[in-house]
Amino acid sequence: MKLKKINEKDKNYTLYEYIKISCLRQNNSIGDLCRSTGLAYKTIRNLKEKKPRMSTYIKIANYFNIISADLYELDIKKEEV
């Protein structure tokens, strides 16, 4: 299966926002993501504050069938203006 790139408008989201919205688009919950990937819910929640390990990026990318490097480029926090 060919991996997809994150579309341009989704690059405006933080990593956590992207995960939350992508789950909703698939009619899944973050809990579903956690069960499928083996990640703890706390790991996903912590993405609001800090970058995860590379293995976490890879698990999330595989779940959404996207390129992990695209996830890595998403900000963790919004820039303060």
PDB file of N, CA and C in Angstrom:
ATOM      1  N   MET A   1       0.846  -1.174   0.000  1.00  0.00           N
ATOM      2  CA  MET A   1       0.000   0.000   0.000  1.00  0.00           C
ATOM      3  C   MET A   1       0.895   1.243   0.000  1.00  0.00           C
ATOM      4  N   LYS A   2       0.568   2.175  -0.852  1.00  0.00           N
ATOM      5  CA  LYS A   2       1.360   3.398  -0.985  1.00  0.00           C
ATOM      6  C   LYS A   2       1.022   4.379   0.139  1.00  0.00           C
ATOM      7  N   LEU A   3       2.071   4.949   0.742  1.00  0.00           N
ATOM      8  CA  LEU A   3       1.870   5.932   1.811  1.00  0.00           C
ATOM      9  C   LEU A   3       1.446   7.272   1.226  1.00  0.00           C
ATOM     10  N   LYS A   4       0.586   7.972   1.956  1.00  0.00           N
ATOM     11  CA  LYS A   4       0.094   9.278   1.531  1.00  0.00           C
ATOM     12  C   LYS A   4       0.894  10.372   2.229  1.00  0.00           C
ATOM     13  N   LYS A   5       0.879  11.543   1.615  1.00  0.00           N
ATOM     14  CA  LYS A   5       1.459  12.728   2.251  1.00  0.00           C
ATOM     15  C   LYS A   5       0.329  13.462   2.971  1.00  0.00           C
ATOM     16  N   ILE A   6       0.699  14.206   3.999  1.00  0.00           N
ATOM     17  CA  ILE A   6      -0.269  15.062   4.684  1.00  0.00           C
ATOM     18  C   ILE A   6      -0.612  16.213   3.747  1.00  0.00           C
ATOM     19  N   ASN A   7      -1.906  16.519   3.582  1.00  0.00           N
ATOM     20  CA  ASN A   7      -2.256  17.609   2.673  1.00  0.00           C
ATOM     21  C   ASN A   7      -1.869  18.955   3.293  1.00  0.00           C
ATOM     22  N   GLU A   8      -1.727  19.933   2.435  1.00  0.00           N
ATOM     23  CA  GLU A   8      -1.189  21.242   2.845  1.00  0.00           C
ATOM     24  C   GLU A   8      -1.989  21.914   3.960  1.00  0.00           C
ATOM     25  N   LYS A   9      -3.312  21.857   3.906  1.00  0.00           N
ATOM     26  CA  LYS A   9      -4.097  22.542   4.948  1.00  0.00           C
ATOM     27  C   LYS A   9      -3.924  21.881   6.307  1.00  0.00           C
ATOM     28  N   ASP A  10      -3.659  20.571   6.324  1.00  0.00           N
ATOM     29  CA  ASP A  10      -3.456  19.874   7.595  1.00  0.00           C
ATOM     30  C   ASP A  10      -2.112  20.205   8.234  1.00  0.00           C
ATOM     31  N   LYS A  11      -1.198  20.787   7.473  1.00  0.00           N
ATOM     32  CA  LYS A  11       0.108  21.148   8.023  1.00  0.00           C
ATOM     33  C   LYS A  11       0.015  22.337   8.968  1.00  0.00           C
ATOM     34  N   ASN A  12      -1.156  22.979   9.034  1.00  0.00           N
ATOM     35  CA  ASN A  12      -1.361  24.093   9.963  1.00  0.00           C
ATOM     36  C   ASN A  12      -1.721  23.612  11.362  1.00  0.00           C
ATOM     37  N   TYR A  13      -2.033  22.332  11.508  1.00  0.00           N
ATOM     38  CA  TYR A  13      -2.391  21.772  12.803  1.00  0.00           C
ATOM     39  C   TYR A  13      -1.149  21.392  13.598  1.00  0.00           C
ATOM     40  N   THR A  14      -1.301  21.356  14.919  1.00  0.00           N
ATOM     41  CA  THR A  14      -0.250  20.760  15.733  1.00  0.00           C
ATOM     42  C   THR A  14      -0.349  19.249  15.569  1.00  0.00           C
ATOM     43  N   LEU A  15       0.634  18.532  16.044  1.00  0.00           N
ATOM     44  CA  LEU A  15       0.623  17.079  15.931  1.00  0.00           C
ATOM     45  C   LEU A  15      -0.603  16.484  16.612  1.00  0.00           C
ATOM     46  N   TYR A  16      -0.898  16.937  17.824  1.00  0.00           N
ATOM     47  CA  TYR A  16      -2.062  16.415  18.553  1.00  0.00           C
ATOM     48  C   TYR A  16      -3.363  16.726  17.806  1.00  0.00           C
ATOM     49  N   GLU A  17      -3.492  17.959  17.312  1.00  0.00           N
ATOM     50  CA  GLU A  17      -4.698  18.342  16.567  1.00  0.00           C
ATOM     51  C   GLU A  17      -4.861  17.478  15.318  1.00  0.00           C
ATOM     52  N   TYR A  18      -3.752  17.240  14.632  1.00  0.00           N
ATOM     53  CA  TYR A  18      -3.804  16.414  13.425  1.00  0.00           C
ATOM     54  C   TYR A  18      -4.296  15.010  13.760  1.00  0.00           C
ATOM     55  N   ILE A  19      -3.777  14.439  14.826  1.00  0.00           N
ATOM     56  CA  ILE A  19      -4.182  13.093  15.236  1.00  0.00           C
ATOM     57  C   ILE A  19      -5.675  13.072  15.568  1.00  0.00           C
ATOM     58  N   LYS A  20      -6.111  14.043  16.348  1.00  0.00           N
ATOM     59  CA  LYS A  20      -7.516  14.100  16.759  1.00  0.00           C
ATOM     60  C   LYS A  20      -8.443  14.232  15.548  1.00  0.00           C
ATOM     61  N   ILE A  21      -8.116  15.129  14.639  1.00  0.00           N
ATOM     62  CA  ILE A  21      -8.944  15.360  13.455  1.00  0.00           C
ATOM     63  C   ILE A  21      -8.909  14.146  12.527  1.00  0.00           C
ATOM     64  N   SER A  22      -7.748  13.538  12.369  1.00  0.00           N
ATOM     65  CA  SER A  22      -7.641  12.368  11.497  1.00  0.00           C
ATOM     66  C   SER A  22      -8.442  11.195  12.042  1.00  0.00           C
ATOM     67  N   CYS A  23      -8.446  11.036  13.349  1.00  0.00           N
ATOM     68  CA  CYS A  23      -9.277   9.993  13.959  1.00  0.00           C
ATOM     69  C   CYS A  23     -10.754  10.253  13.667  1.00  0.00           C
ATOM     70  N   LEU A  24     -11.181  11.492  13.839  1.00  0.00           N
ATOM     71  CA  LEU A  24     -12.579  11.846  13.570  1.00  0.00           C
ATOM     72  C   LEU A  24     -12.958  11.590  12.117  1.00  0.00           C
ATOM     73  N   ARG A  25     -12.047  11.910  11.202  1.00  0.00           N
ATOM     74  CA  ARG A  25     -12.307  11.685   9.776  1.00  0.00           C
ATOM     75  C   ARG A  25     -12.524  10.210   9.474  1.00  0.00           C
ATOM     76  N   GLN A  26     -11.885   9.355  10.249  1.00  0.00           N
ATOM     77  CA  GLN A  26     -12.011   7.909  10.040  1.00  0.00           C
ATOM     78  C   GLN A  26     -13.092   7.291  10.935  1.00  0.00           C
ATOM     79  N   ASN A  27     -13.846   8.150  11.614  1.00  0.00           N
ATOM     80  CA  ASN A  27     -14.868   7.691  12.563  1.00  0.00           C
ATOM     81  C   ASN A  27     -14.276   6.794  13.643  1.00  0.00           C
ATOM     82  N   ASN A  28     -13.076   7.157  14.075  1.00  0.00           N
ATOM     83  CA  ASN A  28     -12.395   6.448  15.156  1.00  0.00           C
ATOM     84  C   ASN A  28     -12.123   7.423  16.290  1.00  0.00           C
ATOM     85  N   SER A  29     -11.722   6.875  17.410  1.00  0.00           N
ATOM     86  CA  SER A  29     -11.348   7.710  18.550  1.00  0.00           C
ATOM     87  C   SER A  29      -9.840   7.581  18.782  1.00  0.00           C
ATOM     88  N   ILE A  30      -9.328   8.445  19.630  1.00  0.00           N
ATOM     89  CA  ILE A  30      -7.927   8.320  20.008  1.00  0.00           C
ATOM     90  C   ILE A  30      -7.715   6.990  20.728  1.00  0.00           C
ATOM     91  N   GLY A  31      -8.724   6.532  21.452  1.00  0.00           N
ATOM     92  CA  GLY A  31      -8.654   5.223  22.099  1.00  0.00           C
ATOM     93  C   GLY A  31      -8.473   4.099  21.085  1.00  0.00           C
ATOM     94  N   ASP A  32      -9.156   4.207  19.938  1.00  0.00           N
ATOM     95  CA  ASP A  32      -8.993   3.217  18.865  1.00  0.00           C
ATOM     96  C   ASP A  32      -7.552   3.219  18.346  1.00  0.00           C
ATOM     97  N   LEU A  33      -7.014   4.420  18.162  1.00  0.00           N
ATOM     98  CA  LEU A  33      -5.621   4.560  17.728  1.00  0.00           C
ATOM     99  C   LEU A  33      -4.694   3.873  18.726  1.00  0.00           C
ATOM    100  N   CYS A  34      -4.916   4.131  20.009  1.00  0.00           N
ATOM    101  CA  CYS A  34      -4.078   3.555  21.062  1.00  0.00           C
ATOM    102  C   CYS A  34      -4.153   2.030  21.062  1.00  0.00           C
ATOM    103  N   ARG A  35      -5.347   1.499  20.959  1.00  0.00           N
ATOM    104  CA  ARG A  35      -5.515   0.037  20.941  1.00  0.00           C
ATOM    105  C   ARG A  35      -4.843  -0.589  19.720  1.00  0.00           C
ATOM    106  N   SER A  36      -4.939   0.062  18.589  1.00  0.00           N
ATOM    107  CA  SER A  36      -4.368  -0.491  17.358  1.00  0.00           C
ATOM    108  C   SER A  36      -2.851  -0.411  17.308  1.00  0.00           C
ATOM    109  N   THR A  37      -2.292   0.631  17.923  1.00  0.00           N
ATOM    110  CA  THR A  37      -0.848   0.850  17.846  1.00  0.00           C
ATOM    111  C   THR A  37      -0.091   0.367  19.076  1.00  0.00           C
ATOM    112  N   GLY A  38      -0.824   0.132  20.173  1.00  0.00           N
ATOM    113  CA  GLY A  38      -0.162  -0.247  21.415  1.00  0.00           C
ATOM    114  C   GLY A  38       0.381   0.940  22.185  1.00  0.00           C
ATOM    115  N   LEU A  39       0.055   2.150  21.741  1.00  0.00           N
ATOM    116  CA  LEU A  39       0.502   3.361  22.443  1.00  0.00           C
ATOM    117  C   LEU A  39      -0.438   3.647  23.614  1.00  0.00           C
ATOM    118  N   ALA A  40       0.122   4.166  24.679  1.00  0.00           N
ATOM    119  CA  ALA A  40      -0.685   4.564  25.832  1.00  0.00           C
ATOM    120  C   ALA A  40      -1.406   5.874  25.517  1.00  0.00           C
ATOM    121  N   TYR A  41      -2.614   6.017  26.070  1.00  0.00           N
ATOM    122  CA  TYR A  41      -3.368   7.263  25.871  1.00  0.00           C
ATOM    123  C   TYR A  41      -2.553   8.452  26.376  1.00  0.00           C
ATOM    124  N   LYS A  42      -1.832   8.264  27.450  1.00  0.00           N
ATOM    125  CA  LYS A  42      -1.006   9.339  28.015  1.00  0.00           C
ATOM    126  C   LYS A  42       0.063   9.780  27.015  1.00  0.00           C
ATOM    127  N   THR A  43       0.590   8.848  26.245  1.00  0.00           N
ATOM    128  CA  THR A  43       1.590   9.192  25.228  1.00  0.00           C
ATOM    129  C   THR A  43       1.000  10.156  24.213  1.00  0.00           C
ATOM    130  N   ILE A  44      -0.214   9.873  23.782  1.00  0.00           N
ATOM    131  CA  ILE A  44      -0.877  10.750  22.806  1.00  0.00           C
ATOM    132  C   ILE A  44      -1.192  12.100  23.442  1.00  0.00           C
ATOM    133  N   ARG A  45      -1.700  12.088  24.657  1.00  0.00           N
ATOM    134  CA  ARG A  45      -2.026  13.338  25.353  1.00  0.00           C
ATOM    135  C   ARG A  45      -0.768  14.195  25.547  1.00  0.00           C
ATOM    136  N   ASN A  46       0.365  13.561  25.811  1.00  0.00           N
ATOM    137  CA  ASN A  46       1.615  14.297  26.014  1.00  0.00           C
ATOM    138  C   ASN A  46       2.110  14.995  24.755  1.00  0.00           C
ATOM    139  N   LEU A  47       1.549  14.628  23.609  1.00  0.00           N
ATOM    140  CA  LEU A  47       1.959  15.266  22.357  1.00  0.00           C
ATOM    141  C   LEU A  47       1.553  16.732  22.303  1.00  0.00           C
ATOM    142  N   LYS A  48       0.727  17.156  23.245  1.00  0.00           N
ATOM    143  CA  LYS A  48       0.366  18.574  23.339  1.00  0.00           C
ATOM    144  C   LYS A  48       1.545  19.394  23.845  1.00  0.00           C
ATOM    145  N   GLU A  49       2.508  18.730  24.503  1.00  0.00           N
ATOM    146  CA  GLU A  49       3.592  19.446  25.166  1.00  0.00           C
ATOM    147  C   GLU A  49       4.995  19.095  24.675  1.00  0.00           C
ATOM    148  N   LYS A  50       5.198  17.860  24.214  1.00  0.00           N
ATOM    149  CA  LYS A  50       6.556  17.486  23.822  1.00  0.00           C
ATOM    150  C   LYS A  50       6.559  16.511  22.658  1.00  0.00           C
ATOM    151  N   LYS A  51       7.686  16.523  21.944  1.00  0.00           N
ATOM    152  CA  LYS A  51       7.853  15.621  20.805  1.00  0.00           C
ATOM    153  C   LYS A  51       7.979  14.186  21.298  1.00  0.00           C
ATOM    154  N   PRO A  52       7.397  13.255  20.567  1.00  0.00           N
ATOM    155  CA  PRO A  52       7.497  11.849  20.955  1.00  0.00           C
ATOM    156  C   PRO A  52       8.785  11.211  20.426  1.00  0.00           C
ATOM    157  N   ARG A  53       8.981   9.968  20.805  1.00  0.00           N
ATOM    158  CA  ARG A  53      10.076   9.184  20.243  1.00  0.00           C
ATOM    159  C   ARG A  53       9.783   8.915  18.769  1.00  0.00           C
ATOM    160  N   MET A  54      10.835   8.614  18.032  1.00  0.00           N
ATOM    161  CA  MET A  54      10.658   8.315  16.606  1.00  0.00           C
ATOM    162  C   MET A  54       9.759   7.089  16.423  1.00  0.00           C
ATOM    163  N   SER A  55       9.852   6.122  17.314  1.00  0.00           N
ATOM    164  CA  SER A  55       9.005   4.926  17.194  1.00  0.00           C
ATOM    165  C   SER A  55       7.522   5.281  17.310  1.00  0.00           C
ATOM    166  N   THR A  56       7.206   6.308  18.090  1.00  0.00           N
ATOM    167  CA  THR A  56       5.817   6.760  18.216  1.00  0.00           C
ATOM    168  C   THR A  56       5.350   7.403  16.919  1.00  0.00           C
ATOM    169  N   TYR A  57       6.204   8.240  16.325  1.00  0.00           N
ATOM    170  CA  TYR A  57       5.865   8.828  15.020  1.00  0.00           C
ATOM    171  C   TYR A  57       5.564   7.725  14.001  1.00  0.00           C
ATOM    172  N   ILE A  58       6.386   6.698  14.002  1.00  0.00           N
ATOM    173  CA  ILE A  58       6.228   5.619  13.023  1.00  0.00           C
ATOM    174  C   ILE A  58       4.919   4.865  13.246  1.00  0.00           C
ATOM    175  N   LYS A  59       4.579   4.572  14.497  1.00  0.00           N
ATOM    176  CA  LYS A  59       3.321   3.874  14.796  1.00  0.00           C
ATOM    177  C   LYS A  59       2.111   4.692  14.365  1.00  0.00           C
ATOM    178  N   ILE A  60       2.153   5.991  14.650  1.00  0.00           N
ATOM    179  CA  ILE A  60       1.039   6.867  14.275  1.00  0.00           C
ATOM    180  C   ILE A  60       0.944   6.977  12.748  1.00  0.00           C
ATOM    181  N   ALA A  61       2.081   7.140  12.093  1.00  0.00           N
ATOM    182  CA  ALA A  61       2.099   7.242  10.625  1.00  0.00           C
ATOM    183  C   ALA A  61       1.553   5.963   9.993  1.00  0.00           C
ATOM    184  N   ASN A  62       1.947   4.827  10.520  1.00  0.00           N
ATOM    185  CA  ASN A  62       1.446   3.553   9.984  1.00  0.00           C
ATOM    186  C   ASN A  62      -0.062   3.438  10.177  1.00  0.00           C
ATOM    187  N   TYR A  63      -0.560   3.885  11.312  1.00  0.00           N
ATOM    188  CA  TYR A  63      -1.998   3.833  11.583  1.00  0.00           C
ATOM    189  C   TYR A  63      -2.789   4.638  10.553  1.00  0.00           C
ATOM    190  N   PHE A  64      -2.274   5.826  10.211  1.00  0.00           N
ATOM    191  CA  PHE A  64      -2.965   6.698   9.255  1.00  0.00           C
ATOM    192  C   PHE A  64      -2.497   6.486   7.815  1.00  0.00           C
ATOM    193  N   ASN A  65      -1.534   5.570   7.608  1.00  0.00           N
ATOM    194  CA  ASN A  65      -0.994   5.276   6.287  1.00  0.00           C
ATOM    195  C   ASN A  65      -0.396   6.531   5.636  1.00  0.00           C
ATOM    196  N   ILE A  66       0.397   7.257   6.422  1.00  0.00           N
ATOM    197  CA  ILE A  66       1.045   8.468   5.920  1.00  0.00           C
ATOM    198  C   ILE A  66       2.560   8.383   6.145  1.00  0.00           C
ATOM    199  N   ILE A  67       3.276   9.285   5.542  1.00  0.00           N
ATOM    200  CA  ILE A  67       4.733   9.330   5.658  1.00  0.00           C
ATOM    201  C   ILE A  67       5.106   9.904   7.025  1.00  0.00           C
ATOM    202  N   SER A  68       5.930   9.180   7.769  1.00  0.00           N
ATOM    203  CA  SER A  68       6.274   9.610   9.131  1.00  0.00           C
ATOM    204  C   SER A  68       7.017  10.943   9.146  1.00  0.00           C
ATOM    205  N   ALA A  69       7.784  11.237   8.116  1.00  0.00           N
ATOM    206  CA  ALA A  69       8.504  12.516   8.053  1.00  0.00           C
ATOM    207  C   ALA A  69       7.530  13.693   8.023  1.00  0.00           C
ATOM    208  N   ASP A  70       6.360  13.500   7.415  1.00  0.00           N
ATOM    209  CA  ASP A  70       5.351  14.561   7.398  1.00  0.00           C
ATOM    210  C   ASP A  70       4.841  14.844   8.806  1.00  0.00           C
ATOM    211  N   LEU A  71       4.650  13.792   9.592  1.00  0.00           N
ATOM    212  CA  LEU A  71       4.213  13.983  10.983  1.00  0.00           C
ATOM    213  C   LEU A  71       5.273  14.732  11.775  1.00  0.00           C
ATOM    214  N   TYR A  72       6.525  14.380  11.539  1.00  0.00           N
ATOM    215  CA  TYR A  72       7.637  14.983  12.269  1.00  0.00           C
ATOM    216  C   TYR A  72       7.707  16.491  12.046  1.00  0.00           C
ATOM    217  N   GLU A  73       7.251  16.929  10.896  1.00  0.00           N
ATOM    218  CA  GLU A  73       7.287  18.361  10.565  1.00  0.00           C
ATOM    219  C   GLU A  73       6.196  19.170  11.263  1.00  0.00           C
ATOM    220  N   LEU A  74       5.177  18.509  11.796  1.00  0.00           N
ATOM    221  CA  LEU A  74       4.103  19.241  12.480  1.00  0.00           C
ATOM    222  C   LEU A  74       4.599  19.786  13.807  1.00  0.00           C
ATOM    223  N   ASP A  75       4.159  21.009  14.129  1.00  0.00           N
ATOM    224  CA  ASP A  75       4.532  21.631  15.394  1.00  0.00           C
ATOM    225  C   ASP A  75       3.878  20.894  16.559  1.00  0.00           C
ATOM    226  N   ILE A  76       4.504  21.010  17.722  1.00  0.00           N
ATOM    227  CA  ILE A  76       3.928  20.457  18.934  1.00  0.00           C
ATOM    228  C   ILE A  76       2.980  21.480  19.554  1.00  0.00           C
ATOM    229  N   LYS A  77       3.395  22.727  19.559  1.00  0.00           N
ATOM    230  CA  LYS A  77       2.565  23.816  20.088  1.00  0.00           C
ATOM    231  C   LYS A  77       2.410  24.866  19.013  1.00  0.00           C
ATOM    232  N   LYS A  78       1.323  25.603  19.093  1.00  0.00           N
ATOM    233  CA  LYS A  78       1.122  26.731  18.170  1.00  0.00           C
ATOM    234  C   LYS A  78       2.095  27.842  18.524  1.00  0.00           C
ATOM    235  N   GLU A  79       2.547  28.532  17.504  1.00  0.00           N
ATOM    236  CA  GLU A  79       3.432  29.663  17.726  1.00  0.00           C
ATOM    237  C   GLU A  79       2.659  30.805  18.401  1.00  0.00           C
ATOM    238  N   GLU A  80       3.248  31.360  19.428  1.00  0.00           N
ATOM    239  CA  GLU A  80       2.636  32.523  20.095  1.00  0.00           C
ATOM    240  C   GLU A  80       2.882  33.750  19.245  1.00  0.00           C
ATOM    241  N   VAL A  81       1.844  34.555  19.046  1.00  0.00           N
ATOM    242  CA  VAL A  81       1.969  35.767  18.215  1.00  0.00           C
ATOM    243  C   VAL A  81       2.094  36.979  19.084  1.00  0.00           C
TER     244      VAL A  81
END
